[in-house]
PDB file of N, CA and C in Angstrom:
ATOM      1  N   MET A   1      38.543  65.563 201.682  1.00  0.00           N
ATOM      2  CA  MET A   1      39.773  64.831 201.709  1.00  0.00           C
ATOM      3  C   MET A   1      40.541  65.024 200.396  1.00  0.00           C
ATOM      4  N   ALA A   2      39.832  65.051 199.287  1.00  0.00           N
ATOM      5  CA  ALA A   2      40.476  65.201 197.990  1.00  0.00           C
ATOM      6  C   ALA A   2      41.091  66.599 197.854  1.00  0.00           C
ATOM      7  N   LYS A   3      40.409  67.630 198.464  1.00  0.00           N
ATOM      8  CA  LYS A   3      40.923  68.997 198.376  1.00  0.00           C
ATOM      9  C   LYS A   3      42.274  69.105 199.063  1.00  0.00           C
ATOM     10  N   SER A   4      42.407  68.574 200.222  1.00  0.00           N
ATOM     11  CA  SER A   4      43.667  68.674 200.955  1.00  0.00           C
ATOM     12  C   SER A   4      44.767  67.898 200.222  1.00  0.00           C
ATOM     13  N   ASN A   5      44.409  66.802 199.586  1.00  0.00           N
ATOM     14  CA  ASN A   5      45.366  66.011 198.827  1.00  0.00           C
ATOM     15  C   ASN A   5      45.894  66.808 197.629  1.00  0.00           C
ATOM     16  N   VAL A   6      45.012  67.528 196.932  1.00  0.00           N
ATOM     17  CA  VAL A   6      45.397  68.348 195.783  1.00  0.00           C
ATOM     18  C   VAL A   6      46.308  69.478 196.241  1.00  0.00           C
ATOM     19  N   PHE A   7      45.952  70.130 197.355  1.00  0.00           N
ATOM     20  CA  PHE A   7      46.761  71.234 197.857  1.00  0.00           C
ATOM     21  C   PHE A   7      48.135  70.742 198.300  1.00  0.00           C
ATOM     22  N   ALA A   8      48.200  69.576 198.865  1.00  0.00           N
ATOM     23  CA  ALA A   8      49.483  69.009 199.282  1.00  0.00           C
ATOM     24  C   ALA A   8      50.364  68.745 198.054  1.00  0.00           C
ATOM     25  N   ILE A   9      49.768  68.261 196.996  1.00  0.00           N
ATOM     26  CA  ILE A   9      50.528  68.014 195.761  1.00  0.00           C
ATOM     27  C   ILE A   9      51.037  69.333 195.181  1.00  0.00           C
ATOM     28  N   ILE A  10      50.191  70.357 195.203  1.00  0.00           N
ATOM     29  CA  ILE A  10      50.591  71.671 194.680  1.00  0.00           C
ATOM     30  C   ILE A  10      51.747  72.229 195.509  1.00  0.00           C
ATOM     31  N   GLU A  11      51.679  72.095 196.824  1.00  0.00           N
ATOM     32  CA  GLU A  11      52.762  72.575 197.694  1.00  0.00           C
ATOM     33  C   GLU A  11      54.059  71.829 197.417  1.00  0.00           C
ATOM     34  N   ASP A  12      53.975  70.542 197.189  1.00  0.00           N
ATOM     35  CA  ASP A  12      55.171  69.753 196.862  1.00  0.00           C
ATOM     36  C   ASP A  12      55.788  70.231 195.543  1.00  0.00           C
ATOM     37  N   LEU A  13      54.931  70.504 194.580  1.00  0.00           N
ATOM     38  CA  LEU A  13      55.420  70.990 193.290  1.00  0.00           C
ATOM     39  C   LEU A  13      56.091  72.362 193.423  1.00  0.00           C
ATOM     40  N   LYS A  14      55.489  73.248 194.221  1.00  0.00           N
ATOM     41  CA  LYS A  14      56.069  74.580 194.431  1.00  0.00           C
ATOM     42  C   LYS A  14      57.431  74.482 195.096  1.00  0.00           C
ATOM     43  N   SER A  15      57.544  73.665 196.103  1.00  0.00           N
ATOM     44  CA  SER A  15      58.830  73.538 196.796  1.00  0.00           C
ATOM     45  C   SER A  15      59.871  72.898 195.861  1.00  0.00           C
ATOM     46  N   GLY A  16      59.427  71.968 195.044  1.00  0.00           N
ATOM     47  CA  GLY A  16      60.341  71.360 194.079  1.00  0.00           C
ATOM     48  C   GLY A  16      60.838  72.373 193.059  1.00  0.00           C
ATOM     49  N   LEU A  17      59.952  73.250 192.626  1.00  0.00           N
ATOM     50  CA  LEU A  17      60.343  74.310 191.690  1.00  0.00           C
ATOM     51  C   LEU A  17      61.312  75.289 192.343  1.00  0.00           C
ATOM     52  N   ASP A  18      61.067  75.645 193.606  1.00  0.00           N
ATOM     53  CA  ASP A  18      61.971  76.544 194.320  1.00  0.00           C
ATOM     54  C   ASP A  18      63.368  75.930 194.426  1.00  0.00           C
ATOM     55  N   ASP A  19      63.421  74.640 194.731  1.00  0.00           N
ATOM     56  CA  ASP A  19      64.713  73.951 194.817  1.00  0.00           C
ATOM     57  C   ASP A  19      65.417  73.954 193.460  1.00  0.00           C
ATOM     58  N   LEU A  20      64.658  73.737 192.417  1.00  0.00           N
ATOM     59  CA  LEU A  20      65.215  73.708 191.071  1.00  0.00           C
ATOM     60  C   LEU A  20      65.773  75.073 190.678  1.00  0.00           C
ATOM     61  N   VAL A  21      65.053  76.141 191.001  1.00  0.00           N
ATOM     62  CA  VAL A  21      65.500  77.497 190.696  1.00  0.00           C
ATOM     63  C   VAL A  21      66.802  77.785 191.424  1.00  0.00           C
ATOM     64  N   GLU A  22      66.891  77.404 192.701  1.00  0.00           N
ATOM     65  CA  GLU A  22      68.117  77.622 193.473  1.00  0.00           C
ATOM     66  C   GLU A  22      69.281  76.840 192.878  1.00  0.00           C
ATOM     67  N   ALA A  23      69.034  75.628 192.460  1.00  0.00           N
ATOM     68  CA  ALA A  23      70.095  74.789 191.908  1.00  0.00           C
ATOM     69  C   ALA A  23      70.593  75.325 190.560  1.00  0.00           C
ATOM     70  N   LEU A  24      69.712  75.932 189.774  1.00  0.00           N
ATOM     71  CA  LEU A  24      70.088  76.413 188.448  1.00  0.00           C
ATOM     72  C   LEU A  24      70.582  77.859 188.434  1.00  0.00           C
ATOM     73  N   GLU A  25      70.515  78.545 189.561  1.00  0.00           N
ATOM     74  CA  GLU A  25      70.913  79.949 189.611  1.00  0.00           C
ATOM     75  C   GLU A  25      72.371  80.173 189.175  1.00  0.00           C
ATOM     76  N   PRO A  26      73.358  79.369 189.642  1.00  0.00           N
ATOM     77  CA  PRO A  26      74.734  79.585 189.164  1.00  0.00           C
ATOM     78  C   PRO A  26      74.863  79.379 187.649  1.00  0.00           C
ATOM     79  N   LEU A  27      74.158  78.410 187.148  1.00  0.00           N
ATOM     80  CA  LEU A  27      74.190  78.153 185.708  1.00  0.00           C
ATOM     81  C   LEU A  27      73.593  79.322 184.933  1.00  0.00           C
ATOM     82  N   ALA A  28      72.553  79.929 185.468  1.00  0.00           N
ATOM     83  CA  ALA A  28      71.924  81.075 184.824  1.00  0.00           C
ATOM     84  C   ALA A  28      72.891  82.253 184.753  1.00  0.00           C
ATOM     85  N   ARG A  29      73.693  82.459 185.810  1.00  0.00           N
ATOM     86  CA  ARG A  29      74.670  83.551 185.816  1.00  0.00           C
ATOM     87  C   ARG A  29      75.723  83.327 184.722  1.00  0.00           C
ATOM     88  N   VAL A  30      76.213  82.099 184.615  1.00  0.00           N
ATOM     89  CA  VAL A  30      77.220  81.784 183.604  1.00  0.00           C
ATOM     90  C   VAL A  30      76.638  81.983 182.200  1.00  0.00           C
ATOM     91  N   ALA A  31      75.423  81.535 181.995  1.00  0.00           N
ATOM     92  CA  ALA A  31      74.781  81.671 180.683  1.00  0.00           C
ATOM     93  C   ALA A  31      74.586  83.140 180.332  1.00  0.00           C
ATOM     94  N   ALA A  32      74.229  83.959 181.316  1.00  0.00           N
ATOM     95  CA  ALA A  32      74.030  85.384 181.061  1.00  0.00           C
ATOM     96  C   ALA A  32      75.348  86.036 180.659  1.00  0.00           C
ATOM     97  N   LYS A  33      76.458  85.661 181.302  1.00  0.00           N
ATOM     98  CA  LYS A  33      77.762  86.221 180.945  1.00  0.00           C
ATOM     99  C   LYS A  33      78.141  85.821 179.530  1.00  0.00           C
ATOM    100  N   LYS A  34      77.947  84.565 179.187  1.00  0.00           N
ATOM    101  CA  LYS A  34      78.282  84.091 177.843  1.00  0.00           C
ATOM    102  C   LYS A  34      77.442  84.819 176.800  1.00  0.00           C
ATOM    103  N   THR A  35      76.181  85.022 177.093  1.00  0.00           N
ATOM    104  CA  THR A  35      75.295  85.693 176.149  1.00  0.00           C
ATOM    105  C   THR A  35      75.737  87.135 175.952  1.00  0.00           C
ATOM    106  N   ARG A  36      76.077  87.815 177.033  1.00  0.00           N
ATOM    107  CA  ARG A  36      76.528  89.194 176.913  1.00  0.00           C
ATOM    108  C   ARG A  36      77.803  89.275 176.098  1.00  0.00           C
ATOM    109  N   ARG A  37      78.728  88.332 176.316  1.00  0.00           N
ATOM    110  CA  ARG A  37      79.966  88.333 175.539  1.00  0.00           C
ATOM    111  C   ARG A  37      79.670  88.141 174.065  1.00  0.00           C
ATOM    112  N   GLY A  38      78.737  87.254 173.781  1.00  0.00           N
ATOM    113  CA  GLY A  38      78.381  87.009 172.388  1.00  0.00           C
ATOM    114  C   GLY A  38      77.829  88.251 171.726  1.00  0.00           C
ATOM    115  N   ILE A  39      77.031  88.997 172.432  1.00  0.00           N
ATOM    116  CA  ILE A  39      76.458  90.220 171.877  1.00  0.00           C
ATOM    117  C   ILE A  39      77.553  91.238 171.628  1.00  0.00           C
ATOM    118  N   LYS A  40      78.485  91.379 172.576  1.00  0.00           N
ATOM    119  CA  LYS A  40      79.564  92.335 172.397  1.00  0.00           C
ATOM    120  C   LYS A  40      80.418  91.972 171.186  1.00  0.00           C
ATOM    121  N   GLN A  41      80.711  90.687 171.011  1.00  0.00           N
ATOM    122  CA  GLN A  41      81.512  90.280 169.871  1.00  0.00           C
ATOM    123  C   GLN A  41      80.768  90.572 168.572  1.00  0.00           C
ATOM    124  N   GLY A  42      79.467  90.384 168.597  1.00  0.00           N
ATOM    125  CA  GLY A  42      78.684  90.664 167.407  1.00  0.00           C
ATOM    126  C   GLY A  42      78.736  92.131 167.041  1.00  0.00           C
ATOM    127  N   ARG A  43      78.762  92.996 168.013  1.00  0.00           N
ATOM    128  CA  ARG A  43      78.836  94.424 167.725  1.00  0.00           C
ATOM    129  C   ARG A  43      80.160  94.776 167.067  1.00  0.00           C
ATOM    130  N   LYS A  44      81.227  94.168 167.550  1.00  0.00           N
ATOM    131  CA  LYS A  44      82.527  94.458 166.964  1.00  0.00           C
ATOM    132  C   LYS A  44      82.548  94.042 165.498  1.00  0.00           C
ATOM    133  N   ALA A  45      81.927  92.926 165.195  1.00  0.00           N
ATOM    134  CA  ALA A  45      81.928  92.431 163.824  1.00  0.00           C
ATOM    135  C   ALA A  45      81.074  93.295 162.916  1.00  0.00           C
ATOM    136  N   ALA A  46      80.099  94.014 163.479  1.00  0.00           N
ATOM    137  CA  ALA A  46      79.163  94.774 162.663  1.00  0.00           C
ATOM    138  C   ALA A  46      79.592  96.231 162.488  1.00  0.00           C
ATOM    139  N   ARG A  47      80.817  96.561 162.877  1.00  0.00           N
ATOM    140  CA  ARG A  47      81.265  97.947 162.722  1.00  0.00           C
ATOM    141  C   ARG A  47      81.321  98.338 161.257  1.00  0.00           C
ATOM    142  N   LYS A  48      81.059  99.605 161.006  1.00  0.00           N
ATOM    143  CA  LYS A  48      81.084 100.096 159.639  1.00  0.00           C
ATOM    144  C   LYS A  48      82.529 100.275 159.178  1.00  0.00           C
ATOM    145  N   MET A  49      82.709 100.030 157.913  1.00  0.00           N
ATOM    146  CA  MET A  49      84.032 100.244 157.328  1.00  0.00           C
ATOM    147  C   MET A  49      84.222 101.742 157.106  1.00  0.00           C
ATOM    148  N   VAL A  50      85.410 102.220 157.392  1.00  0.00           N
ATOM    149  CA  VAL A  50      85.712 103.622 157.182  1.00  0.00           C
ATOM    150  C   VAL A  50      86.081 103.818 155.719  1.00  0.00           C
ATOM    151  N   ARG A  51      85.434 104.767 155.099  1.00  0.00           N
ATOM    152  CA  ARG A  51      85.726 105.052 153.695  1.00  0.00           C
ATOM    153  C   ARG A  51      87.006 105.866 153.609  1.00  0.00           C
ATOM    154  N   LYS A  52      87.896 105.434 152.767  1.00  0.00           N
ATOM    155  CA  LYS A  52      89.123 106.188 152.560  1.00  0.00           C
ATOM    156  C   LYS A  52      88.903 107.171 151.426  1.00  0.00           C
ATOM    157  N   ASN A  53      89.583 108.272 151.504  1.00  0.00           N
ATOM    158  CA  ASN A  53      89.495 109.254 150.427  1.00  0.00           C
ATOM    159  C   ASN A  53      90.225 108.707 149.212  1.00  0.00           C
ATOM    160  N   LEU A  54      89.488 108.551 148.146  1.00  0.00           N
ATOM    161  CA  LEU A  54      90.073 108.020 146.924  1.00  0.00           C
ATOM    162  C   LEU A  54      90.510 109.173 146.026  1.00  0.00           C
ATOM    163  N   PRO A  55      91.545 108.942 145.252  1.00  0.00           N
ATOM    164  CA  PRO A  55      91.920 109.961 144.260  1.00  0.00           C
ATOM    165  C   PRO A  55      90.778 110.156 143.260  1.00  0.00           C
ATOM    166  N   LYS A  56      90.719 111.340 142.707  1.00  0.00           N
ATOM    167  CA  LYS A  56      89.628 111.682 141.799  1.00  0.00           C
ATOM    168  C   LYS A  56      89.573 110.727 140.601  1.00  0.00           C
ATOM    169  N   ALA A  57      90.720 110.361 140.075  1.00  0.00           N
ATOM    170  CA  ALA A  57      90.759 109.474 138.906  1.00  0.00           C
ATOM    171  C   ALA A  57      90.195 108.101 139.246  1.00  0.00           C
ATOM    172  N   THR A  58      90.508 107.599 140.428  1.00  0.00           N
ATOM    173  CA  THR A  58      90.003 106.284 140.842  1.00  0.00           C
ATOM    174  C   THR A  58      88.493 106.325 141.008  1.00  0.00           C
ATOM    175  N   ARG A  59      88.000 107.394 141.605  1.00  0.00           N
ATOM    176  CA  ARG A  59      86.562 107.541 141.801  1.00  0.00           C
ATOM    177  C   ARG A  59      85.835 107.595 140.458  1.00  0.00           C
ATOM    178  N   GLN A  60      86.384 108.358 139.509  1.00  0.00           N
ATOM    179  CA  GLN A  60      85.775 108.460 138.184  1.00  0.00           C
ATOM    180  C   GLN A  60      85.782 107.111 137.463  1.00  0.00           C
ATOM    181  N   LEU A  61      86.879 106.372 137.622  1.00  0.00           N
ATOM    182  CA  LEU A  61      86.968 105.055 136.998  1.00  0.00           C
ATOM    183  C   LEU A  61      85.913 104.108 137.572  1.00  0.00           C
ATOM    184  N   ARG A  62      85.689 104.193 138.874  1.00  0.00           N
ATOM    185  CA  ARG A  62      84.680 103.335 139.500  1.00  0.00           C
ATOM    186  C   ARG A  62      83.270 103.705 139.060  1.00  0.00           C
ATOM    187  N   VAL A  63      83.029 104.976 138.839  1.00  0.00           N
ATOM    188  CA  VAL A  63      81.715 105.407 138.338  1.00  0.00           C
ATOM    189  C   VAL A  63      81.493 104.832 136.941  1.00  0.00           C
ATOM    190  N   LEU A  64      82.516 104.928 136.107  1.00  0.00           N
ATOM    191  CA  LEU A  64      82.413 104.353 134.762  1.00  0.00           C
ATOM    192  C   LEU A  64      82.213 102.847 134.823  1.00  0.00           C
ATOM    193  N   GLN A  65      82.950 102.199 135.721  1.00  0.00           N
ATOM    194  CA  GLN A  65      82.829 100.754 135.866  1.00  0.00           C
ATOM    195  C   GLN A  65      81.416 100.364 136.287  1.00  0.00           C
ATOM    196  N   ALA A  66      80.823 101.133 137.179  1.00  0.00           N
ATOM    197  CA  ALA A  66      79.454 100.841 137.633  1.00  0.00           C
ATOM    198  C   ALA A  66      78.456 100.981 136.481  1.00  0.00           C
ATOM    199  N   ARG A  67      78.611 102.022 135.692  1.00  0.00           N
ATOM    200  CA  ARG A  67      77.726 102.205 134.537  1.00  0.00           C
ATOM    201  C   ARG A  67      77.886 101.057 133.543  1.00  0.00           C
ATOM    202  N   TYR A  68      79.147 100.682 133.323  1.00  0.00           N
ATOM    203  CA  TYR A  68      79.457  99.585 132.409  1.00  0.00           C
ATOM    204  C   TYR A  68      78.787  98.294 132.876  1.00  0.00           C
ATOM    205  N   MET A  69      78.946  97.960 134.155  1.00  0.00           N
ATOM    206  CA  MET A  69      78.369  96.722 134.696  1.00  0.00           C
ATOM    207  C   MET A  69      76.838  96.748 134.608  1.00  0.00           C
ATOM    208  N   THR A  70      76.248  97.902 134.839  1.00  0.00           N
ATOM    209  CA  THR A  70      74.792  98.034 134.771  1.00  0.00           C
ATOM    210  C   THR A  70      74.284  97.744 133.361  1.00  0.00           C
ATOM    211  N   LEU A  71      74.970  98.281 132.369  1.00  0.00           N
ATOM    212  CA  LEU A  71      74.535  98.063 130.990  1.00  0.00           C
ATOM    213  C   LEU A  71      74.837  96.650 130.506  1.00  0.00           C
ATOM    214  N   VAL A  72      75.988  96.134 130.854  1.00  0.00           N
ATOM    215  CA  VAL A  72      76.425  94.848 130.333  1.00  0.00           C
ATOM    216  C   VAL A  72      75.596  93.691 130.886  1.00  0.00           C
ATOM    217  N   ARG A  73      75.123  93.811 132.082  1.00  0.00           N
ATOM    218  CA  ARG A  73      74.390  92.671 132.659  1.00  0.00           C
ATOM    219  C   ARG A  73      73.082  92.368 131.935  1.00  0.00           C
ATOM    220  N   ARG A  74      72.585  93.320 131.174  1.00  0.00           N
ATOM    221  CA  ARG A  74      71.337  93.113 130.425  1.00  0.00           C
ATOM    222  C   ARG A  74      71.576  92.482 129.049  1.00  0.00           C
ATOM    223  N   LEU A  75      72.831  92.401 128.633  1.00  0.00           N
ATOM    224  CA  LEU A  75      73.138  91.928 127.283  1.00  0.00           C
ATOM    225  C   LEU A  75      73.213  90.406 127.205  1.00  0.00           C
ATOM    226  N   SER A  76      73.124  89.901 125.990  1.00  0.00           N
ATOM    227  CA  SER A  76      73.298  88.465 125.761  1.00  0.00           C
ATOM    228  C   SER A  76      74.789  88.134 125.856  1.00  0.00           C
ATOM    229  N   LYS A  77      75.121  86.848 125.866  1.00  0.00           N
ATOM    230  CA  LYS A  77      76.524  86.437 125.989  1.00  0.00           C
ATOM    231  C   LYS A  77      77.372  86.948 124.829  1.00  0.00           C
ATOM    232  N   VAL A  78      76.839  86.848 123.642  1.00  0.00           N
ATOM    233  CA  VAL A  78      77.576  87.295 122.448  1.00  0.00           C
ATOM    234  C   VAL A  78      77.823  88.796 122.519  1.00  0.00           C
ATOM    235  N   GLN A  79      76.797  89.547 122.890  1.00  0.00           N
ATOM    236  CA  GLN A  79      76.933  90.996 122.996  1.00  0.00           C
ATOM    237  C   GLN A  79      77.911  91.374 124.102  1.00  0.00           C
ATOM    238  N   LYS A  80      77.856  90.634 125.218  1.00  0.00           N
ATOM    239  CA  LYS A  80      78.794  90.897 126.317  1.00  0.00           C
ATOM    240  C   LYS A  80      80.232  90.722 125.849  1.00  0.00           C
ATOM    241  N   GLU A  81      80.479  89.684 125.068  1.00  0.00           N
ATOM    242  CA  GLU A  81      81.831  89.445 124.565  1.00  0.00           C
ATOM    243  C   GLU A  81      82.293  90.572 123.656  1.00  0.00           C
ATOM    244  N   GLN A  82      81.379  91.087 122.828  1.00  0.00           N
ATOM    245  CA  GLN A  82      81.720  92.209 121.947  1.00  0.00           C
ATOM    246  C   GLN A  82      82.128  93.430 122.771  1.00  0.00           C
ATOM    247  N   VAL A  83      81.305  93.737 123.762  1.00  0.00           N
ATOM    248  CA  VAL A  83      81.545  94.922 124.590  1.00  0.00           C
ATOM    249  C   VAL A  83      82.826  94.744 125.405  1.00  0.00           C
ATOM    250  N   LYS A  84      83.033  93.553 125.903  1.00  0.00           N
ATOM    251  CA  LYS A  84      84.232  93.272 126.702  1.00  0.00           C
ATOM    252  C   LYS A  84      85.498  93.443 125.858  1.00  0.00           C
ATOM    253  N   LYS A  85      85.445  92.973 124.630  1.00  0.00           N
ATOM    254  CA  LYS A  85      86.582  93.098 123.729  1.00  0.00           C
ATOM    255  C   LYS A  85      86.882  94.568 123.443  1.00  0.00           C
ATOM    256  N   LEU A  86      85.820  95.345 123.202  1.00  0.00           N
ATOM    257  CA  LEU A  86      85.990  96.774 122.947  1.00  0.00           C
ATOM    258  C   LEU A  86      86.540  97.495 124.180  1.00  0.00           C
ATOM    259  N   ARG A  87      86.078  97.101 125.341  1.00  0.00           N
ATOM    260  CA  ARG A  87      86.561  97.736 126.582  1.00  0.00           C
ATOM    261  C   ARG A  87      88.059  97.499 126.755  1.00  0.00           C
ATOM    262  N   LYS A  88      88.511  96.308 126.431  1.00  0.00           N
ATOM    263  CA  LYS A  88      89.939  96.005 126.578  1.00  0.00           C
ATOM    264  C   LYS A  88      90.790  96.805 125.603  1.00  0.00           C
ATOM    265  N   THR A  89      90.270  97.033 124.409  1.00  0.00           N
ATOM    266  CA  THR A  89      91.068  97.745 123.409  1.00  0.00           C
ATOM    267  C   THR A  89      90.922  99.261 123.499  1.00  0.00           C
ATOM    268  N   LYS A  90      89.705  99.769 123.692  1.00  0.00           N
ATOM    269  CA  LYS A  90      89.494 101.214 123.633  1.00  0.00           C
ATOM    270  C   LYS A  90      89.073 101.852 124.954  1.00  0.00           C
ATOM    271  N   GLY A  91      88.719 101.060 125.954  1.00  0.00           N
ATOM    272  CA  GLY A  91      88.385 101.624 127.255  1.00  0.00           C
ATOM    273  C   GLY A  91      86.900 101.618 127.563  1.00  0.00           C
ATOM    274  N   TYR A  92      86.592 102.105 128.772  1.00  0.00           N
ATOM    275  CA  TYR A  92      85.212 102.067 129.269  1.00  0.00           C
ATOM    276  C   TYR A  92      84.267 102.965 128.479  1.00  0.00           C
ATOM    277  N   LYS A  93      84.729 104.153 128.097  1.00  0.00           N
ATOM    278  CA  LYS A  93      83.814 105.100 127.441  1.00  0.00           C
ATOM    279  C   LYS A  93      83.261 104.548 126.130  1.00  0.00           C
ATOM    280  N   GLU A  94      84.143 103.988 125.317  1.00  0.00           N
ATOM    281  CA  GLU A  94      83.694 103.407 124.049  1.00  0.00           C
ATOM    282  C   GLU A  94      82.812 102.186 124.291  1.00  0.00           C
ATOM    283  N   ALA A  95      83.177 101.380 125.285  1.00  0.00           N
ATOM    284  CA  ALA A  95      82.381 100.189 125.602  1.00  0.00           C
ATOM    285  C   ALA A  95      80.993 100.590 126.087  1.00  0.00           C
ATOM    286  N   LEU A  96      80.907 101.689 126.838  1.00  0.00           N
ATOM    287  CA  LEU A  96      79.607 102.174 127.306  1.00  0.00           C
ATOM    288  C   LEU A  96      78.725 102.595 126.130  1.00  0.00           C
ATOM    289  N   LYS A  97      79.324 103.260 125.172  1.00  0.00           N
ATOM    290  CA  LYS A  97      78.545 103.694 124.001  1.00  0.00           C
ATOM    291  C   LYS A  97      77.978 102.481 123.257  1.00  0.00           C
ATOM    292  N   LEU A  98      78.837 101.477 123.038  1.00  0.00           N
ATOM    293  CA  LEU A  98      78.395 100.277 122.336  1.00  0.00           C
ATOM    294  C   LEU A  98      77.316  99.535 123.140  1.00  0.00           C
ATOM    295  N   ALA A  99      77.522  99.404 124.433  1.00  0.00           N
ATOM    296  CA  ALA A  99      76.545  98.688 125.274  1.00  0.00           C
ATOM    297  C   ALA A  99      75.206  99.423 125.278  1.00  0.00           C
ATOM    298  N   ALA A 100      75.236 100.748 125.306  1.00  0.00           N
ATOM    299  CA  ALA A 100      73.989 101.523 125.273  1.00  0.00           C
ATOM    300  C   ALA A 100      73.263 101.303 123.948  1.00  0.00           C
ATOM    301  N   ARG A 101      74.037 101.239 122.851  1.00  0.00           N
ATOM    302  CA  ARG A 101      73.421 100.985 121.546  1.00  0.00           C
ATOM    303  C   ARG A 101      72.823  99.604 121.483  1.00  0.00           C
ATOM    304  N   LEU A 102      73.501  98.632 122.036  1.00  0.00           N
ATOM    305  CA  LEU A 102      73.024  97.247 121.968  1.00  0.00           C
ATOM    306  C   LEU A 102      71.805  96.998 122.857  1.00  0.00           C
ATOM    307  N   THR A 103      71.634  97.752 123.909  1.00  0.00           N
ATOM    308  CA  THR A 103      70.483  97.526 124.804  1.00  0.00           C
ATOM    309  C   THR A 103      69.187  98.084 124.231  1.00  0.00           C
ATOM    310  N   ARG A 104      69.275  98.955 123.250  1.00  0.00           N
ATOM    311  CA  ARG A 104      68.052  99.544 122.682  1.00  0.00           C
ATOM    312  C   ARG A 104      67.314  98.596 121.833  1.00  0.00           C
TER     313      ARG A 104
END
């Protein structure tokens, strides 16, 4: 008697789950569309930036600037101020020389 009672409960649960799946099917379709849209929007946001051809002088200036920033970040505040002052008056090349001397 207990076996048939357990099987009847299991059958009721299965039919209840089937009803639930049918009821939620339209909602699942809407959720899938929203999710796909979200993924597509994410791809658009993750596109790579196109590099523009820079003039040679601009590229060289950026290389100098990168070297300058690399050296200056290791210096103390007082030393940074010295190098910054020199860069404003004489340019990156002289500031690089001073920063290289100060880091040793």
